[in-house]
Amino acid sequence: MAVLDAFSLQGKVSVVTGAARGIGHALATALAEAGSDVVLLVRNPAAVVDQLADLQKLGVRAFAVGADVTDAAQVEQAVGQIYAELGTVDVLINNAGICVHRPALEVSAEEWNAVMDVNVNGVWHCAQAFGRRMVEQGSGNIINIGSISALIVNRPQWQPGYNASKAAVHQLTKSLAAEWAPHGVRVNALAPGYVKTEMAPADDPKFKPYWIGDAPMQRAAEPAELGPTIVYLASDASSFMTGSILVFDGGYTAF
């Protein structure tokens, strides 16, 4: 195989959770550009109609399936629907996530539970449901979107729930990778630094001196910049890689 051919996703089927905007939107586009058919697993399929049209223009099949990742029954139903429609899933990108900026003593039980439910339980529900099928078929590739927040304490904002949830995602990634490697299923995580999205207003004067000023590269990433890395992780180019946390942060964690 020629080296660039190893990055091709031609003939693959990829599922992306939380794909309606931001990082998830960019990752879905990158997977399609690499040749993969793409399923957007979102709470509201009506919100991604235009996105599906853009993906289909790239010459791949693109579908939206509705499910709340915090609801295990909905996820199981979505998995059944996707397999009935497409026959297989080769790649799962667990991207859905939320964040609450609040000092620890002010975080409500509802806020804590909401963050854990989406960021940890949502990853678990999808990994288990799709992983079961992947183990049965003897192949599969799961990529969890972690964060540098699993490795550092962010500032100036306090976000204890988010930090704890992403640390859990990193450790779950390693646990599943070790358990499922003998079954042909790889599990890795991508840990981005600050990326310009609605959830991370990197240009806000409250945050910019810390988020940007503290980073060696002196900028935040654009969502599309994560695309080539996700294609690497999703493709045969990373065939000997599992249980890894790939940090993508402009050097932020070097300091």
C-alpha atoms as a PDB file:
ATOM      1  CA  MET A   1       0.000   0.000   0.000  1.00  0.00           C
ATOM      2  CA  ALA A   2       1.341   3.437  -0.956  1.00  0.00           C
ATOM      3  CA  VAL A   3       1.678   5.650   2.083  1.00  0.00           C
ATOM      4  CA  LEU A   4      -1.089   8.108   1.185  1.00  0.00           C
ATOM      5  CA  ASP A   5      -3.441   5.238   0.363  1.00  0.00           C
ATOM      6  CA  ALA A   6      -3.277   4.241   4.028  1.00  0.00           C
ATOM      7  CA  PHE A   7      -5.200   7.408   4.883  1.00  0.00           C
ATOM      8  CA  SER A   8      -8.128   6.601   2.587  1.00  0.00           C
ATOM      9  CA  LEU A   9     -11.526   5.879   4.138  1.00  0.00           C
ATOM     10  CA  GLN A  10     -13.063   4.774   0.861  1.00  0.00           C
ATOM     11  CA  GLY A  11     -15.807   2.222   1.473  1.00  0.00           C
ATOM     12  CA  LYS A  12     -15.913   2.852   5.224  1.00  0.00           C
ATOM     13  CA  VAL A  13     -18.930   3.866   7.303  1.00  0.00           C
ATOM     14  CA  SER A  14     -18.341   6.425  10.067  1.00  0.00           C
ATOM     15  CA  VAL A  15     -20.696   7.648  12.797  1.00  0.00           C
ATOM     16  CA  VAL A  16     -20.163  11.039  14.465  1.00  0.00           C
ATOM     17  CA  THR A  17     -22.051  12.084  17.596  1.00  0.00           C
ATOM     18  CA  GLY A  18     -22.671  15.754  18.342  1.00  0.00           C
ATOM     19  CA  ALA A  19     -22.099  16.493  14.666  1.00  0.00           C
ATOM     20  CA  ALA A  20     -24.477  19.408  14.221  1.00  0.00           C
ATOM     21  CA  ARG A  21     -21.892  22.135  14.812  1.00  0.00           C
ATOM     22  CA  GLY A  22     -18.364  23.013  15.843  1.00  0.00           C
ATOM     23  CA  ILE A  23     -15.807  20.235  16.049  1.00  0.00           C
ATOM     24  CA  GLY A  24     -18.299  17.474  15.193  1.00  0.00           C
ATOM     25  CA  HIS A  25     -19.362  19.242  12.009  1.00  0.00           C
ATOM     26  CA  ALA A  26     -15.730  19.626  10.930  1.00  0.00           C
ATOM     27  CA  LEU A  27     -14.866  16.009  11.709  1.00  0.00           C
ATOM     28  CA  ALA A  28     -17.821  14.690   9.719  1.00  0.00           C
ATOM     29  CA  THR A  29     -16.697  16.764   6.730  1.00  0.00           C
ATOM     30  CA  ALA A  30     -13.130  15.485   6.977  1.00  0.00           C
ATOM     31  CA  LEU A  31     -14.263  11.856   7.100  1.00  0.00           C
ATOM     32  CA  ALA A  32     -16.417  12.376   4.010  1.00  0.00           C
ATOM     33  CA  GLU A  33     -13.581  14.104   2.172  1.00  0.00           C
ATOM     34  CA  ALA A  34     -11.458  11.005   2.869  1.00  0.00           C
ATOM     35  CA  GLY A  35     -14.133   8.841   1.239  1.00  0.00           C
ATOM     36  CA  SER A  36     -16.187   7.568   4.168  1.00  0.00           C
ATOM     37  CA  ASP A  37     -19.952   7.366   4.239  1.00  0.00           C
ATOM     38  CA  VAL A  38     -21.095   9.373   7.250  1.00  0.00           C
ATOM     39  CA  VAL A  39     -23.916   9.049   9.765  1.00  0.00           C
ATOM     40  CA  LEU A  40     -24.638  12.079  11.926  1.00  0.00           C
ATOM     41  CA  LEU A  41     -25.965  10.885  15.284  1.00  0.00           C
ATOM     42  CA  VAL A  42     -27.742  13.953  16.643  1.00  0.00           C
ATOM     43  CA  ARG A  43     -30.688  14.811  18.845  1.00  0.00           C
ATOM     44  CA  ASN A  44     -32.473  16.727  16.086  1.00  0.00           C
ATOM     45  CA  PRO A  45     -31.942  15.393  12.540  1.00  0.00           C
ATOM     46  CA  ALA A  46     -33.879  18.329  11.101  1.00  0.00           C
ATOM     47  CA  ALA A  47     -31.028  20.619  12.199  1.00  0.00           C
ATOM     48  CA  VAL A  48     -28.477  18.959   9.909  1.00  0.00           C
ATOM     49  CA  VAL A  49     -30.385  18.826   6.604  1.00  0.00           C
ATOM     50  CA  ASP A  50     -28.100  21.378   4.937  1.00  0.00           C
ATOM     51  CA  GLN A  51     -25.032  19.648   6.339  1.00  0.00           C
ATOM     52  CA  LEU A  52     -26.155  16.323   4.865  1.00  0.00           C
ATOM     53  CA  ALA A  53     -26.543  17.953   1.465  1.00  0.00           C
ATOM     54  CA  ASP A  54     -22.994  19.317   1.678  1.00  0.00           C
ATOM     55  CA  LEU A  55     -21.640  15.891   2.626  1.00  0.00           C
ATOM     56  CA  GLN A  56     -23.479  14.194  -0.224  1.00  0.00           C
ATOM     57  CA  LYS A  57     -21.917  16.647  -2.657  1.00  0.00           C
ATOM     58  CA  LEU A  58     -18.604  15.034  -1.723  1.00  0.00           C
ATOM     59  CA  GLY A  59     -19.805  11.807  -3.336  1.00  0.00           C
ATOM     60  CA  VAL A  60     -20.545   9.798  -0.204  1.00  0.00           C
ATOM     61  CA  ARG A  61     -23.695   8.554   1.455  1.00  0.00           C
ATOM     62  CA  ALA A  62     -24.742  10.730   4.368  1.00  0.00           C
ATOM     63  CA  PHE A  63     -27.589  10.147   6.807  1.00  0.00           C
ATOM     64  CA  ALA A  64     -28.831  11.613  10.060  1.00  0.00           C
ATOM     65  CA  VAL A  65     -30.175   9.443  12.862  1.00  0.00           C
ATOM     66  CA  GLY A  66     -31.847  10.900  15.918  1.00  0.00           C
ATOM     67  CA  ALA A  67     -30.801   9.874  19.420  1.00  0.00           C
ATOM     68  CA  ASP A  68     -29.926  11.405  22.756  1.00  0.00           C
ATOM     69  CA  VAL A  69     -26.593   9.830  23.721  1.00  0.00           C
ATOM     70  CA  THR A  70     -27.533  10.017  27.415  1.00  0.00           C
ATOM     71  CA  ASP A  71     -30.373   7.549  26.777  1.00  0.00           C
ATOM     72  CA  ALA A  72     -29.021   4.014  26.347  1.00  0.00           C
ATOM     73  CA  ALA A  73     -32.266   2.754  24.813  1.00  0.00           C
ATOM     74  CA  GLN A  74     -32.237   5.490  22.164  1.00  0.00           C
ATOM     75  CA  VAL A  75     -28.618   4.716  21.340  1.00  0.00           C
ATOM     76  CA  GLU A  76     -29.376   0.997  20.953  1.00  0.00           C
ATOM     77  CA  GLN A  77     -32.277   1.829  18.657  1.00  0.00           C
ATOM     78  CA  ALA A  78     -30.060   4.121  16.584  1.00  0.00           C
ATOM     79  CA  VAL A  79     -27.396   1.413  16.253  1.00  0.00           C
ATOM     80  CA  GLY A  80     -29.997  -1.025  14.976  1.00  0.00           C
ATOM     81  CA  GLN A  81     -31.267   1.530  12.480  1.00  0.00           C
ATOM     82  CA  ILE A  82     -27.773   2.321  11.190  1.00  0.00           C
ATOM     83  CA  TYR A  83     -26.825  -1.337  10.775  1.00  0.00           C
ATOM     84  CA  ALA A  84     -30.134  -2.092   9.054  1.00  0.00           C
ATOM     85  CA  GLU A  85     -29.509   0.753   6.605  1.00  0.00           C
ATOM     86  CA  LEU A  86     -25.763   0.421   5.991  1.00  0.00           C
ATOM     87  CA  GLY A  87     -24.855  -3.093   7.134  1.00  0.00           C
ATOM     88  CA  THR A  88     -21.823  -2.110   9.186  1.00  0.00           C
ATOM     89  CA  VAL A  89     -20.048   0.649  11.091  1.00  0.00           C
ATOM     90  CA  ASP A  90     -16.284   0.911  10.783  1.00  0.00           C
ATOM     91  CA  VAL A  91     -15.601   4.102  12.731  1.00  0.00           C
ATOM     92  CA  LEU A  92     -17.311   5.738  15.710  1.00  0.00           C
ATOM     93  CA  ILE A  93     -16.390   9.286  16.739  1.00  0.00           C
ATOM     94  CA  ASN A  94     -17.683  10.035  20.250  1.00  0.00           C
ATOM     95  CA  ASN A  95     -17.743  13.817  20.037  1.00  0.00           C
ATOM     96  CA  ALA A  96     -20.886  14.999  21.863  1.00  0.00           C
ATOM     97  CA  GLY A  97     -20.020  17.064  24.920  1.00  0.00           C
ATOM     98  CA  ILE A  98     -21.045  19.987  27.104  1.00  0.00           C
ATOM     99  CA  CYS A  99     -19.265  22.247  29.589  1.00  0.00           C
ATOM    100  CA  VAL A 100     -20.310  24.311  32.618  1.00  0.00           C
ATOM    101  CA  HIS A 101     -18.079  27.177  33.772  1.00  0.00           C
ATOM    102  CA  ARG A 102     -18.677  27.478  37.491  1.00  0.00           C
ATOM    103  CA  PRO A 103     -16.567  27.384  40.686  1.00  0.00           C
ATOM    104  CA  ALA A 104     -16.844  24.037  42.441  1.00  0.00           C
ATOM    105  CA  LEU A 105     -18.807  25.385  45.412  1.00  0.00           C
ATOM    106  CA  GLU A 106     -21.393  26.889  43.061  1.00  0.00           C
ATOM    107  CA  VAL A 107     -21.958  23.893  40.756  1.00  0.00           C
ATOM    108  CA  SER A 108     -25.458  22.518  41.226  1.00  0.00           C
ATOM    109  CA  ALA A 109     -26.239  18.822  41.311  1.00  0.00           C
ATOM    110  CA  GLU A 110     -28.182  19.243  38.075  1.00  0.00           C
ATOM    111  CA  GLU A 111     -25.207  20.873  36.324  1.00  0.00           C
ATOM    112  CA  TRP A 112     -22.757  18.227  37.533  1.00  0.00           C
ATOM    113  CA  ASN A 113     -25.051  15.404  36.479  1.00  0.00           C
ATOM    114  CA  ALA A 114     -25.729  16.965  33.068  1.00  0.00           C
ATOM    115  CA  VAL A 115     -22.013  17.218  32.275  1.00  0.00           C
ATOM    116  CA  MET A 116     -21.310  13.667  33.423  1.00  0.00           C
ATOM    117  CA  ASP A 117     -24.363  12.336  31.618  1.00  0.00           C
ATOM    118  CA  VAL A 118     -23.347  13.697  28.206  1.00  0.00           C
ATOM    119  CA  ASN A 119     -19.559  13.551  28.472  1.00  0.00           C
ATOM    120  CA  VAL A 120     -19.139  10.214  30.244  1.00  0.00           C
ATOM    121  CA  ASN A 121     -22.384   8.251  30.052  1.00  0.00           C
ATOM    122  CA  GLY A 122     -22.944   9.343  26.456  1.00  0.00           C
ATOM    123  CA  VAL A 123     -19.501   8.075  25.443  1.00  0.00           C
ATOM    124  CA  TRP A 124     -20.087   4.862  27.379  1.00  0.00           C
ATOM    125  CA  HIS A 125     -23.512   4.183  25.849  1.00  0.00           C
ATOM    126  CA  CYS A 126     -22.250   4.677  22.314  1.00  0.00           C
ATOM    127  CA  ALA A 127     -18.972   2.836  22.828  1.00  0.00           C
ATOM    128  CA  GLN A 128     -20.759  -0.142  24.352  1.00  0.00           C
ATOM    129  CA  ALA A 129     -23.567  -0.304  21.796  1.00  0.00           C
ATOM    130  CA  PHE A 130     -21.376   0.114  18.717  1.00  0.00           C
ATOM    131  CA  GLY A 131     -18.489  -1.771  20.332  1.00  0.00           C
ATOM    132  CA  ARG A 132     -20.675  -4.837  20.807  1.00  0.00           C
ATOM    133  CA  ARG A 133     -21.327  -4.949  17.043  1.00  0.00           C
ATOM    134  CA  MET A 134     -17.675  -4.246  16.242  1.00  0.00           C
ATOM    135  CA  VAL A 135     -16.484  -7.069  18.491  1.00  0.00           C
ATOM    136  CA  GLU A 136     -18.974  -9.396  16.786  1.00  0.00           C
ATOM    137  CA  GLN A 137     -17.762  -8.388  13.312  1.00  0.00           C
ATOM    138  CA  GLY A 138     -14.096  -8.599  14.368  1.00  0.00           C
ATOM    139  CA  SER A 139     -13.168  -5.069  13.375  1.00  0.00           C
ATOM    140  CA  GLY A 140     -13.841  -1.477  14.302  1.00  0.00           C
ATOM    141  CA  ASN A 141     -12.329   1.816  15.313  1.00  0.00           C
ATOM    142  CA  ILE A 142     -13.573   4.090  18.100  1.00  0.00           C
ATOM    143  CA  ILE A 143     -12.197   7.594  18.598  1.00  0.00           C
ATOM    144  CA  ASN A 144     -13.273   9.471  21.713  1.00  0.00           C
ATOM    145  CA  ILE A 145     -12.912  13.226  21.835  1.00  0.00           C
ATOM    146  CA  GLY A 146     -11.172  13.972  25.105  1.00  0.00           C
ATOM    147  CA  SER A 147      -9.497  17.237  26.032  1.00  0.00           C
ATOM    148  CA  ILE A 148      -6.393  18.820  27.474  1.00  0.00           C
ATOM    149  CA  SER A 149      -8.764  19.551  30.378  1.00  0.00           C
ATOM    150  CA  ALA A 150      -8.146  15.945  31.417  1.00  0.00           C
ATOM    151  CA  LEU A 151      -4.466  16.832  31.838  1.00  0.00           C
ATOM    152  CA  ILE A 152      -4.529  20.364  33.286  1.00  0.00           C
ATOM    153  CA  VAL A 153      -6.752  22.688  35.302  1.00  0.00           C
ATOM    154  CA  ASN A 154      -7.959  25.380  32.912  1.00  0.00           C
ATOM    155  CA  ARG A 155      -7.928  29.055  33.770  1.00  0.00           C
ATOM    156  CA  PRO A 156      -9.317  31.639  34.328  1.00  0.00           C
ATOM    157  CA  GLN A 157     -12.637  29.758  34.242  1.00  0.00           C
ATOM    158  CA  TRP A 158     -13.338  26.951  36.713  1.00  0.00           C
ATOM    159  CA  GLN A 159     -14.925  23.827  35.221  1.00  0.00           C
ATOM    160  CA  PRO A 160     -14.422  20.926  37.634  1.00  0.00           C
ATOM    161  CA  GLY A 161     -17.129  18.725  36.145  1.00  0.00           C
ATOM    162  CA  TYR A 162     -15.835  19.045  32.590  1.00  0.00           C
ATOM    163  CA  ASN A 163     -12.247  18.366  33.655  1.00  0.00           C
ATOM    164  CA  ALA A 164     -13.263  15.271  35.605  1.00  0.00           C
ATOM    165  CA  SER A 165     -15.459  14.026  32.763  1.00  0.00           C
ATOM    166  CA  LYS A 166     -12.678  14.256  30.195  1.00  0.00           C
ATOM    167  CA  ALA A 167     -10.245  12.478  32.499  1.00  0.00           C
ATOM    168  CA  ALA A 168     -12.824   9.687  32.679  1.00  0.00           C
ATOM    169  CA  VAL A 169     -13.024   9.616  28.879  1.00  0.00           C
ATOM    170  CA  HIS A 170      -9.258   9.201  28.611  1.00  0.00           C
ATOM    171  CA  GLN A 171      -9.178   6.338  31.090  1.00  0.00           C
ATOM    172  CA  LEU A 172     -12.225   4.668  29.513  1.00  0.00           C
ATOM    173  CA  THR A 173     -10.420   4.884  26.173  1.00  0.00           C
ATOM    174  CA  LYS A 174      -7.457   2.943  27.554  1.00  0.00           C
ATOM    175  CA  SER A 175      -9.675   0.389  29.281  1.00  0.00           C
ATOM    176  CA  LEU A 176     -11.704  -0.394  26.163  1.00  0.00           C
ATOM    177  CA  ALA A 177      -8.586  -0.456  23.987  1.00  0.00           C
ATOM    178  CA  ALA A 178      -6.968  -3.085  26.186  1.00  0.00           C
ATOM    179  CA  GLU A 179     -10.103  -5.207  26.383  1.00  0.00           C
ATOM    180  CA  TRP A 180     -11.104  -5.103  22.741  1.00  0.00           C
ATOM    181  CA  ALA A 181      -7.730  -5.223  20.969  1.00  0.00           C
ATOM    182  CA  PRO A 182      -7.867  -9.048  20.702  1.00  0.00           C
ATOM    183  CA  HIS A 183     -11.206  -8.639  18.883  1.00  0.00           C
ATOM    184  CA  GLY A 184      -9.818  -6.334  16.202  1.00  0.00           C
ATOM    185  CA  VAL A 185     -11.281  -3.155  17.670  1.00  0.00           C
ATOM    186  CA  ARG A 186      -9.033  -0.120  18.201  1.00  0.00           C
ATOM    187  CA  VAL A 187      -9.898   2.664  20.664  1.00  0.00           C
ATOM    188  CA  ASN A 188      -8.019   5.968  20.850  1.00  0.00           C
ATOM    189  CA  ALA A 189      -8.752   9.503  21.999  1.00  0.00           C
ATOM    190  CA  LEU A 190      -8.030  12.905  20.553  1.00  0.00           C
ATOM    191  CA  ALA A 191      -7.378  15.575  23.194  1.00  0.00           C
ATOM    192  CA  PRO A 192      -7.751  19.031  21.651  1.00  0.00           C
ATOM    193  CA  GLY A 193      -6.654  22.260  23.236  1.00  0.00           C
ATOM    194  CA  TYR A 194      -8.629  25.436  22.628  1.00  0.00           C
ATOM    195  CA  VAL A 195     -10.601  25.323  19.384  1.00  0.00           C
ATOM    196  CA  LYS A 196     -12.685  28.248  18.118  1.00  0.00           C
ATOM    197  CA  THR A 197     -16.281  27.106  18.638  1.00  0.00           C
ATOM    198  CA  GLU A 198     -19.409  28.407  20.335  1.00  0.00           C
ATOM    199  CA  MET A 199     -18.358  26.453  23.432  1.00  0.00           C
ATOM    200  CA  ALA A 200     -14.874  28.009  23.482  1.00  0.00           C
ATOM    201  CA  PRO A 201     -14.943  31.765  22.694  1.00  0.00           C
ATOM    202  CA  ALA A 202     -11.184  32.041  22.405  1.00  0.00           C
ATOM    203  CA  ASP A 203     -11.224  35.702  21.364  1.00  0.00           C
ATOM    204  CA  ASP A 204     -13.213  36.828  24.411  1.00  0.00           C
ATOM    205  CA  PRO A 205     -11.036  39.353  26.328  1.00  0.00           C
ATOM    206  CA  LYS A 206     -11.784  37.433  29.558  1.00  0.00           C
ATOM    207  CA  PHE A 207     -10.172  34.302  28.194  1.00  0.00           C
ATOM    208  CA  LYS A 208      -7.747  35.323  25.462  1.00  0.00           C
ATOM    209  CA  PRO A 209      -4.774  36.261  27.715  1.00  0.00           C
ATOM    210  CA  TYR A 210      -4.852  32.765  29.240  1.00  0.00           C
ATOM    211  CA  TRP A 211      -6.160  30.560  26.446  1.00  0.00           C
ATOM    212  CA  ILE A 212      -4.121  32.195  23.691  1.00  0.00           C
ATOM    213  CA  GLY A 213      -1.405  34.098  25.523  1.00  0.00           C
ATOM    214  CA  ASP A 214      -0.327  30.989  27.445  1.00  0.00           C
ATOM    215  CA  ALA A 215      -0.018  28.835  24.318  1.00  0.00           C
ATOM    216  CA  PRO A 216       3.329  28.591  22.492  1.00  0.00           C
ATOM    217  CA  MET A 217       1.597  28.939  19.118  1.00  0.00           C
ATOM    218  CA  GLN A 218      -0.312  32.022  20.366  1.00  0.00           C
ATOM    219  CA  ARG A 219      -3.616  31.032  18.765  1.00  0.00           C
ATOM    220  CA  ALA A 220      -6.559  28.701  18.992  1.00  0.00           C
ATOM    221  CA  ALA A 221      -7.230  25.996  16.428  1.00  0.00           C
ATOM    222  CA  GLU A 222      -9.897  26.192  13.767  1.00  0.00           C
ATOM    223  CA  PRO A 223     -12.261  23.180  13.860  1.00  0.00           C
ATOM    224  CA  ALA A 224     -11.181  22.111  10.367  1.00  0.00           C
ATOM    225  CA  GLU A 225      -7.588  21.721  11.577  1.00  0.00           C
ATOM    226  CA  LEU A 226      -8.645  18.635  13.537  1.00  0.00           C
ATOM    227  CA  GLY A 227      -9.832  16.970  10.324  1.00  0.00           C
ATOM    228  CA  PRO A 228      -6.546  15.487   9.069  1.00  0.00           C
ATOM    229  CA  THR A 229      -5.763  14.105  12.528  1.00  0.00           C
ATOM    230  CA  ILE A 230      -9.158  12.424  12.817  1.00  0.00           C
ATOM    231  CA  VAL A 231      -8.649  10.885   9.364  1.00  0.00           C
ATOM    232  CA  TYR A 232      -5.288   9.540  10.557  1.00  0.00           C
ATOM    233  CA  LEU A 233      -6.872   7.987  13.634  1.00  0.00           C
ATOM    234  CA  ALA A 234      -9.811   6.599  11.648  1.00  0.00           C
ATOM    235  CA  SER A 235      -7.710   5.092   8.876  1.00  0.00           C
ATOM    236  CA  ASP A 236      -5.212   2.291   8.406  1.00  0.00           C
ATOM    237  CA  ALA A 237      -2.466   4.901   8.746  1.00  0.00           C
ATOM    238  CA  SER A 238      -2.794   4.371  12.526  1.00  0.00           C
ATOM    239  CA  SER A 239      -3.280   0.601  12.317  1.00  0.00           C
ATOM    240  CA  PHE A 240      -0.841  -0.189  15.173  1.00  0.00           C
ATOM    241  CA  MET A 241      -2.207   2.504  17.470  1.00  0.00           C
ATOM    242  CA  THR A 242      -4.666   1.782  20.263  1.00  0.00           C
ATOM    243  CA  GLY A 243      -5.126   3.029  23.813  1.00  0.00           C
ATOM    244  CA  SER A 244      -3.411   6.313  22.949  1.00  0.00           C
ATOM    245  CA  ILE A 245      -4.382   9.869  23.880  1.00  0.00           C
ATOM    246  CA  LEU A 246      -3.256  12.132  21.042  1.00  0.00           C
ATOM    247  CA  VAL A 247      -2.808  15.715  22.286  1.00  0.00           C
ATOM    248  CA  PHE A 248      -3.566  18.449  19.739  1.00  0.00           C
ATOM    249  CA  ASP A 249      -3.115  21.750  21.540  1.00  0.00           C
ATOM    250  CA  GLY A 250      -0.693  24.152  19.882  1.00  0.00           C
ATOM    251  CA  GLY A 251       1.812  23.327  22.595  1.00  0.00           C
ATOM    252  CA  TYR A 252      -0.444  24.504  25.451  1.00  0.00           C
ATOM    253  CA  THR A 253       0.410  21.611  27.770  1.00  0.00           C
ATOM    254  CA  ALA A 254       4.148  22.058  27.167  1.00  0.00           C
ATOM    255  CA  PHE A 255       4.192  24.877  29.740  1.00  0.00           C
END
